[in-house]
Amino acid sequence: MALLLKGGMKSKNHQCLITYFYKKYPNYEFETNLISQLNYLRNRLNYYGEQIDPAFYEKNKEEVIKLIKLLIQIVEP
């Protein structure tokens, strides 16, 4: 949500945030897809109590770390 606030906008859902991220940074399509996957898994966990397969984390661990660093870089002034 910090990304939207930095752009002078607000949203009440993550779909708008993901779309905003992709529209603003179209070169980060892979990262957008990863964010979308993480959002899907979070929703499955929160709303349906489904377990997240640890293999997903192991497979994507390095990419998630890169994504976090990228987002911090984008949001910081």
PDB file of N, CA and C in Angstrom:
ATOM      1  N   MET A   1       0.810  -1.187   0.000  1.00  0.00           N
ATOM      2  CA  MET A   1       0.000   0.000   0.000  1.00  0.00           C
ATOM      3  C   MET A   1       0.864   1.266   0.000  1.00  0.00           C
ATOM      4  N   ALA A   2       2.079   1.151   0.485  1.00  0.00           N
ATOM      5  CA  ALA A   2       2.977   2.302   0.492  1.00  0.00           C
ATOM      6  C   ALA A   2       3.232   2.800  -0.927  1.00  0.00           C
ATOM      7  N   LEU A   3       3.267   1.886  -1.882  1.00  0.00           N
ATOM      8  CA  LEU A   3       3.484   2.270  -3.271  1.00  0.00           C
ATOM      9  C   LEU A   3       2.344   3.148  -3.780  1.00  0.00           C
ATOM     10  N   LEU A   4       1.120   2.780  -3.443  1.00  0.00           N
ATOM     11  CA  LEU A   4      -0.026   3.598  -3.846  1.00  0.00           C
ATOM     12  C   LEU A   4       0.007   4.951  -3.156  1.00  0.00           C
ATOM     13  N   LEU A   5       0.273   4.952  -1.876  1.00  0.00           N
ATOM     14  CA  LEU A   5       0.329   6.215  -1.138  1.00  0.00           C
ATOM     15  C   LEU A   5       1.409   7.131  -1.699  1.00  0.00           C
ATOM     16  N   LYS A   6       2.531   6.548  -2.079  1.00  0.00           N
ATOM     17  CA  LYS A   6       3.604   7.337  -2.675  1.00  0.00           C
ATOM     18  C   LYS A   6       3.131   7.981  -3.978  1.00  0.00           C
ATOM     19  N   GLY A   7       2.239   7.281  -4.692  1.00  0.00           N
ATOM     20  CA  GLY A   7       1.681   7.807  -5.926  1.00  0.00           C
ATOM     21  C   GLY A   7       0.463   8.685  -5.707  1.00  0.00           C
ATOM     22  N   GLY A   8       0.112   8.930  -4.433  1.00  0.00           N
ATOM     23  CA  GLY A   8      -1.014   9.798  -4.110  1.00  0.00           C
ATOM     24  C   GLY A   8      -2.363   9.123  -4.228  1.00  0.00           C
ATOM     25  N   MET A   9      -2.393   7.785  -4.123  1.00  0.00           N
ATOM     26  CA  MET A   9      -3.651   7.042  -4.252  1.00  0.00           C
ATOM     27  C   MET A   9      -3.864   6.123  -3.056  1.00  0.00           C
ATOM     28  N   LYS A  10      -5.090   5.630  -2.958  1.00  0.00           N
ATOM     29  CA  LYS A  10      -5.449   4.657  -1.933  1.00  0.00           C
ATOM     30  C   LYS A  10      -6.235   3.533  -2.585  1.00  0.00           C
ATOM     31  N   SER A  11      -6.240   2.391  -1.927  1.00  0.00           N
ATOM     32  CA  SER A  11      -7.039   1.252  -2.385  1.00  0.00           C
ATOM     33  C   SER A  11      -7.402   0.400  -1.184  1.00  0.00           C
ATOM     34  N   LYS A  12      -8.512  -0.281  -1.294  1.00  0.00           N
ATOM     35  CA  LYS A  12      -8.931  -1.165  -0.215  1.00  0.00           C
ATOM     36  C   LYS A  12      -8.692  -2.629  -0.550  1.00  0.00           C
ATOM     37  N   ASN A  13      -8.070  -2.907  -1.698  1.00  0.00           N
ATOM     38  CA  ASN A  13      -7.809  -4.305  -2.032  1.00  0.00           C
ATOM     39  C   ASN A  13      -6.457  -4.456  -2.715  1.00  0.00           C
ATOM     40  N   HIS A  14      -5.948  -5.668  -2.668  1.00  0.00           N
ATOM     41  CA  HIS A  14      -4.630  -5.941  -3.209  1.00  0.00           C
ATOM     42  C   HIS A  14      -4.634  -6.037  -4.726  1.00  0.00           C
ATOM     43  N   GLN A  15      -5.767  -6.374  -5.330  1.00  0.00           N
ATOM     44  CA  GLN A  15      -5.827  -6.469  -6.781  1.00  0.00           C
ATOM     45  C   GLN A  15      -5.512  -5.124  -7.426  1.00  0.00           C
ATOM     46  N   CYS A  16      -6.037  -4.057  -6.864  1.00  0.00           N
ATOM     47  CA  CYS A  16      -5.742  -2.720  -7.395  1.00  0.00           C
ATOM     48  C   CYS A  16      -4.258  -2.413  -7.252  1.00  0.00           C
ATOM     49  N   LEU A  17      -3.693  -2.788  -6.147  1.00  0.00           N
ATOM     50  CA  LEU A  17      -2.266  -2.550  -5.917  1.00  0.00           C
ATOM     51  C   LEU A  17      -1.421  -3.320  -6.926  1.00  0.00           C
ATOM     52  N   ILE A  18      -1.768  -4.571  -7.164  1.00  0.00           N
ATOM     53  CA  ILE A  18      -1.021  -5.389  -8.120  1.00  0.00           C
ATOM     54  C   ILE A  18      -1.136  -4.802  -9.525  1.00  0.00           C
ATOM     55  N   THR A  19      -2.339  -4.393  -9.907  1.00  0.00           N
ATOM     56  CA  THR A  19      -2.550  -3.795 -11.221  1.00  0.00           C
ATOM     57  C   THR A  19      -1.777  -2.489 -11.347  1.00  0.00           C
ATOM     58  N   TYR A  20      -1.811  -1.674 -10.311  1.00  0.00           N
ATOM     59  CA  TYR A  20      -1.074  -0.414 -10.306  1.00  0.00           C
ATOM     60  C   TYR A  20       0.423  -0.680 -10.491  1.00  0.00           C
ATOM     61  N   PHE A  21       0.938  -1.641  -9.750  1.00  0.00           N
ATOM     62  CA  PHE A  21       2.355  -1.982  -9.846  1.00  0.00           C
ATOM     63  C   PHE A  21       2.709  -2.359 -11.286  1.00  0.00           C
ATOM     64  N   TYR A  22       1.892  -3.199 -11.912  1.00  0.00           N
ATOM     65  CA  TYR A  22       2.176  -3.655 -13.273  1.00  0.00           C
ATOM     66  C   TYR A  22       2.085  -2.511 -14.282  1.00  0.00           C
ATOM     67  N   LYS A  23       1.081  -1.651 -14.120  1.00  0.00           N
ATOM     68  CA  LYS A  23       0.925  -0.526 -15.051  1.00  0.00           C
ATOM     69  C   LYS A  23       2.094   0.457 -14.918  1.00  0.00           C
ATOM     70  N   LYS A  24       2.528   0.684 -13.697  1.00  0.00           N
ATOM     71  CA  LYS A  24       3.610   1.644 -13.450  1.00  0.00           C
ATOM     72  C   LYS A  24       4.977   1.058 -13.804  1.00  0.00           C
ATOM     73  N   TYR A  25       5.149  -0.238 -13.617  1.00  0.00           N
ATOM     74  CA  TYR A  25       6.433  -0.899 -13.858  1.00  0.00           C
ATOM     75  C   TYR A  25       6.234  -2.119 -14.774  1.00  0.00           C
ATOM     76  N   PRO A  26       5.897  -1.894 -16.039  1.00  0.00           N
ATOM     77  CA  PRO A  26       5.616  -3.020 -16.941  1.00  0.00           C
ATOM     78  C   PRO A  26       6.822  -3.923 -17.205  1.00  0.00           C
ATOM     79  N   ASN A  27       8.016  -3.425 -16.952  1.00  0.00           N
ATOM     80  CA  ASN A  27       9.209  -4.259 -17.148  1.00  0.00           C
ATOM     81  C   ASN A  27       9.353  -5.331 -16.070  1.00  0.00           C
ATOM     82  N   TYR A  28       8.565  -5.219 -15.018  1.00  0.00           N
ATOM     83  CA  TYR A  28       8.631  -6.185 -13.920  1.00  0.00           C
ATOM     84  C   TYR A  28       7.459  -7.169 -13.986  1.00  0.00           C
ATOM     85  N   GLU A  29       7.242  -7.733 -15.158  1.00  0.00           N
ATOM     86  CA  GLU A  29       6.130  -8.680 -15.330  1.00  0.00           C
ATOM     87  C   GLU A  29       6.320  -9.933 -14.468  1.00  0.00           C
ATOM     88  N   PHE A  30       7.521 -10.471 -14.424  1.00  0.00           N
ATOM     89  CA  PHE A  30       7.784 -11.649 -13.596  1.00  0.00           C
ATOM     90  C   PHE A  30       7.468 -11.362 -12.138  1.00  0.00           C
ATOM     91  N   GLU A  31       7.918 -10.217 -11.663  1.00  0.00           N
ATOM     92  CA  GLU A  31       7.690  -9.834 -10.277  1.00  0.00           C
ATOM     93  C   GLU A  31       6.201  -9.636  -9.999  1.00  0.00           C
ATOM     94  N   THR A  32       5.496  -9.063 -10.966  1.00  0.00           N
ATOM     95  CA  THR A  32       4.048  -8.892 -10.815  1.00  0.00           C
ATOM     96  C   THR A  32       3.359 -10.238 -10.687  1.00  0.00           C
ATOM     97  N   ASN A  33       3.770 -11.192 -11.499  1.00  0.00           N
ATOM     98  CA  ASN A  33       3.181 -12.534 -11.414  1.00  0.00           C
ATOM     99  C   ASN A  33       3.488 -13.191 -10.074  1.00  0.00           C
ATOM    100  N   LEU A  34       4.688 -12.993  -9.569  1.00  0.00           N
ATOM    101  CA  LEU A  34       5.049 -13.547  -8.264  1.00  0.00           C
ATOM    102  C   LEU A  34       4.214 -12.906  -7.159  1.00  0.00           C
ATOM    103  N   ILE A  35       4.038 -11.592  -7.219  1.00  0.00           N
ATOM    104  CA  ILE A  35       3.193 -10.908  -6.239  1.00  0.00           C
ATOM    105  C   ILE A  35       1.774 -11.465  -6.288  1.00  0.00           C
ATOM    106  N   SER A  36       1.274 -11.683  -7.486  1.00  0.00           N
ATOM    107  CA  SER A  36      -0.079 -12.219  -7.651  1.00  0.00           C
ATOM    108  C   SER A  36      -0.187 -13.631  -7.059  1.00  0.00           C
ATOM    109  N   GLN A  37       0.815 -14.445  -7.287  1.00  0.00           N
ATOM    110  CA  GLN A  37       0.830 -15.802  -6.713  1.00  0.00           C
ATOM    111  C   GLN A  37       0.849 -15.742  -5.188  1.00  0.00           C
ATOM    112  N   LEU A  38       1.683 -14.863  -4.643  1.00  0.00           N
ATOM    113  CA  LEU A  38       1.765 -14.726  -3.187  1.00  0.00           C
ATOM    114  C   LEU A  38       0.430 -14.254  -2.611  1.00  0.00           C
ATOM    115  N   ASN A  39      -0.225 -13.329  -3.302  1.00  0.00           N
ATOM    116  CA  ASN A  39      -1.533 -12.850  -2.868  1.00  0.00           C
ATOM    117  C   ASN A  39      -2.556 -13.983  -2.882  1.00  0.00           C
ATOM    118  N   TYR A  40      -2.539 -14.786  -3.930  1.00  0.00           N
ATOM    119  CA  TYR A  40      -3.450 -15.932  -4.025  1.00  0.00           C
ATOM    120  C   TYR A  40      -3.228 -16.895  -2.854  1.00  0.00           C
ATOM    121  N   LEU A  41      -1.976 -17.208  -2.585  1.00  0.00           N
ATOM    122  CA  LEU A  41      -1.669 -18.130  -1.487  1.00  0.00           C
ATOM    123  C   LEU A  41      -2.084 -17.543  -0.137  1.00  0.00           C
ATOM    124  N   ARG A  42      -1.861 -16.252   0.049  1.00  0.00           N
ATOM    125  CA  ARG A  42      -2.272 -15.602   1.296  1.00  0.00           C
ATOM    126  C   ARG A  42      -3.784 -15.687   1.477  1.00  0.00           C
ATOM    127  N   ASN A  43      -4.519 -15.449   0.412  1.00  0.00           N
ATOM    128  CA  ASN A  43      -5.978 -15.536   0.485  1.00  0.00           C
ATOM    129  C   ASN A  43      -6.430 -16.950   0.811  1.00  0.00           C
ATOM    130  N   ARG A  44      -5.818 -17.942   0.186  1.00  0.00           N
ATOM    131  CA  ARG A  44      -6.191 -19.345   0.455  1.00  0.00           C
ATOM    132  C   ARG A  44      -5.924 -19.686   1.926  1.00  0.00           C
ATOM    133  N   LEU A  45      -4.824 -19.194   2.444  1.00  0.00           N
ATOM    134  CA  LEU A  45      -4.469 -19.446   3.839  1.00  0.00           C
ATOM    135  C   LEU A  45      -5.428 -18.731   4.781  1.00  0.00           C
ATOM    136  N   ASN A  46      -5.639 -17.431   4.542  1.00  0.00           N
ATOM    137  CA  ASN A  46      -6.471 -16.636   5.450  1.00  0.00           C
ATOM    138  C   ASN A  46      -7.942 -17.011   5.422  1.00  0.00           C
ATOM    139  N   TYR A  47      -8.494 -17.199   4.234  1.00  0.00           N
ATOM    140  CA  TYR A  47      -9.935 -17.390   4.119  1.00  0.00           C
ATOM    141  C   TYR A  47     -10.379 -18.841   4.170  1.00  0.00           C
ATOM    142  N   TYR A  48      -9.496 -19.764   3.773  1.00  0.00           N
ATOM    143  CA  TYR A  48      -9.900 -21.170   3.722  1.00  0.00           C
ATOM    144  C   TYR A  48      -9.043 -22.072   4.602  1.00  0.00           C
ATOM    145  N   GLY A  49      -8.046 -21.510   5.241  1.00  0.00           N
ATOM    146  CA  GLY A  49      -7.201 -22.284   6.143  1.00  0.00           C
ATOM    147  C   GLY A  49      -6.332 -23.313   5.443  1.00  0.00           C
ATOM    148  N   GLU A  50      -6.128 -23.144   4.145  1.00  0.00           N
ATOM    149  CA  GLU A  50      -5.314 -24.093   3.398  1.00  0.00           C
ATOM    150  C   GLU A  50      -3.831 -23.917   3.731  1.00  0.00           C
ATOM    151  N   GLN A  51      -3.133 -25.006   3.742  1.00  0.00           N
ATOM    152  CA  GLN A  51      -1.696 -24.981   3.979  1.00  0.00           C
ATOM    153  C   GLN A  51      -0.969 -24.554   2.703  1.00  0.00           C
ATOM    154  N   ILE A  52       0.138 -23.887   2.873  1.00  0.00           N
ATOM    155  CA  ILE A  52       0.978 -23.520   1.741  1.00  0.00           C
ATOM    156  C   ILE A  52       2.092 -24.549   1.651  1.00  0.00           C
ATOM    157  N   ASP A  53       2.229 -25.125   0.494  1.00  0.00           N
ATOM    158  CA  ASP A  53       3.242 -26.149   0.280  1.00  0.00           C
ATOM    159  C   ASP A  53       4.632 -25.542   0.481  1.00  0.00           C
ATOM    160  N   PRO A  54       5.416 -26.075   1.407  1.00  0.00           N
ATOM    161  CA  PRO A  54       6.773 -25.542   1.629  1.00  0.00           C
ATOM    162  C   PRO A  54       7.633 -25.566   0.365  1.00  0.00           C
ATOM    163  N   ALA A  55       7.304 -26.429  -0.581  1.00  0.00           N
ATOM    164  CA  ALA A  55       8.062 -26.504  -1.826  1.00  0.00           C
ATOM    165  C   ALA A  55       7.950 -25.197  -2.611  1.00  0.00           C
ATOM    166  N   PHE A  56       6.806 -24.513  -2.496  1.00  0.00           N
ATOM    167  CA  PHE A  56       6.647 -23.228  -3.172  1.00  0.00           C
ATOM    168  C   PHE A  56       7.678 -22.234  -2.645  1.00  0.00           C
ATOM    169  N   TYR A  57       7.812 -22.189  -1.338  1.00  0.00           N
ATOM    170  CA  TYR A  57       8.792 -21.279  -0.737  1.00  0.00           C
ATOM    171  C   TYR A  57      10.205 -21.652  -1.159  1.00  0.00           C
ATOM    172  N   GLU A  58      10.534 -22.916  -1.063  1.00  0.00           N
ATOM    173  CA  GLU A  58      11.889 -23.353  -1.419  1.00  0.00           C
ATOM    174  C   GLU A  58      12.192 -23.037  -2.879  1.00  0.00           C
ATOM    175  N   LYS A  59      11.220 -23.232  -3.739  1.00  0.00           N
ATOM    176  CA  LYS A  59      11.401 -22.980  -5.171  1.00  0.00           C
ATOM    177  C   LYS A  59      11.578 -21.486  -5.458  1.00  0.00           C
ATOM    178  N   ASN A  60      10.880 -20.649  -4.709  1.00  0.00           N
ATOM    179  CA  ASN A  60      10.840 -19.212  -4.998  1.00  0.00           C
ATOM    180  C   ASN A  60      11.567 -18.336  -3.982  1.00  0.00           C
ATOM    181  N   LYS A  61      12.271 -18.937  -3.063  1.00  0.00           N
ATOM    182  CA  LYS A  61      12.905 -18.211  -1.965  1.00  0.00           C
ATOM    183  C   LYS A  61      13.771 -17.048  -2.455  1.00  0.00           C
ATOM    184  N   GLU A  62      14.671 -17.308  -3.374  1.00  0.00           N
ATOM    185  CA  GLU A  62      15.584 -16.270  -3.862  1.00  0.00           C
ATOM    186  C   GLU A  62      14.821 -15.166  -4.585  1.00  0.00           C
ATOM    187  N   GLU A  63      13.808 -15.537  -5.347  1.00  0.00           N
ATOM    188  CA  GLU A  63      13.023 -14.538  -6.078  1.00  0.00           C
ATOM    189  C   GLU A  63      12.211 -13.668  -5.127  1.00  0.00           C
ATOM    190  N   VAL A  64      11.702 -14.257  -4.051  1.00  0.00           N
ATOM    191  CA  VAL A  64      10.949 -13.483  -3.058  1.00  0.00           C
ATOM    192  C   VAL A  64      11.878 -12.478  -2.372  1.00  0.00           C
ATOM    193  N   ILE A  65      13.070 -12.903  -2.054  1.00  0.00           N
ATOM    194  CA  ILE A  65      14.042 -11.990  -1.432  1.00  0.00           C
ATOM    195  C   ILE A  65      14.376 -10.843  -2.384  1.00  0.00           C
ATOM    196  N   LYS A  66      14.593 -11.155  -3.659  1.00  0.00           N
ATOM    197  CA  LYS A  66      14.850 -10.108  -4.659  1.00  0.00           C
ATOM    198  C   LYS A  66      13.661  -9.162  -4.776  1.00  0.00           C
ATOM    199  N   LEU A  67      12.460  -9.721  -4.740  1.00  0.00           N
ATOM    200  CA  LEU A  67      11.243  -8.917  -4.841  1.00  0.00           C
ATOM    201  C   LEU A  67      11.134  -7.952  -3.666  1.00  0.00           C
ATOM    202  N   ILE A  68      11.404  -8.429  -2.479  1.00  0.00           N
ATOM    203  CA  ILE A  68      11.344  -7.569  -1.287  1.00  0.00           C
ATOM    204  C   ILE A  68      12.340  -6.422  -1.422  1.00  0.00           C
ATOM    205  N   LYS A  69      13.536  -6.724  -1.855  1.00  0.00           N
ATOM    206  CA  LYS A  69      14.561  -5.687  -2.036  1.00  0.00           C
ATOM    207  C   LYS A  69      14.128  -4.678  -3.103  1.00  0.00           C
ATOM    208  N   LEU A  70      13.541  -5.154  -4.184  1.00  0.00           N
ATOM    209  CA  LEU A  70      13.057  -4.273  -5.241  1.00  0.00           C
ATOM    210  C   LEU A  70      11.971  -3.351  -4.723  1.00  0.00           C
ATOM    211  N   LEU A  71      11.016  -3.907  -3.996  1.00  0.00           N
ATOM    212  CA  LEU A  71       9.913  -3.094  -3.477  1.00  0.00           C
ATOM    213  C   LEU A  71      10.411  -2.041  -2.498  1.00  0.00           C
ATOM    214  N   ILE A  72      11.349  -2.397  -1.667  1.00  0.00           N
ATOM    215  CA  ILE A  72      11.931  -1.419  -0.735  1.00  0.00           C
ATOM    216  C   ILE A  72      12.608  -0.296  -1.520  1.00  0.00           C
ATOM    217  N   GLN A  73      13.352  -0.653  -2.547  1.00  0.00           N
ATOM    218  CA  GLN A  73      14.042   0.324  -3.381  1.00  0.00           C
ATOM    219  C   GLN A  73      13.045   1.259  -4.063  1.00  0.00           C
ATOM    220  N   ILE A  74      11.938   0.720  -4.555  1.00  0.00           N
ATOM    221  CA  ILE A  74      10.933   1.532  -5.244  1.00  0.00           C
ATOM    222  C   ILE A  74      10.229   2.481  -4.286  1.00  0.00           C
ATOM    223  N   VAL A  75       9.925   2.020  -3.094  1.00  0.00           N
ATOM    224  CA  VAL A  75       9.133   2.801  -2.143  1.00  0.00           C
ATOM    225  C   VAL A  75       9.968   3.854  -1.431  1.00  0.00           C
ATOM    226  N   GLU A  76      11.235   3.570  -1.182  1.00  0.00           N
ATOM    227  CA  GLU A  76      12.073   4.555  -0.478  1.00  0.00           C
ATOM    228  C   GLU A  76      12.278   5.788  -1.342  1.00  0.00           C
ATOM    229  N   PRO A  77      12.360   6.941  -0.681  1.00  0.00           N
ATOM    230  CA  PRO A  77      12.561   8.190  -1.439  1.00  0.00           C
ATOM    231  C   PRO A  77      13.913   8.274  -2.110  1.00  0.00           C
TER     232      PRO A  77
END
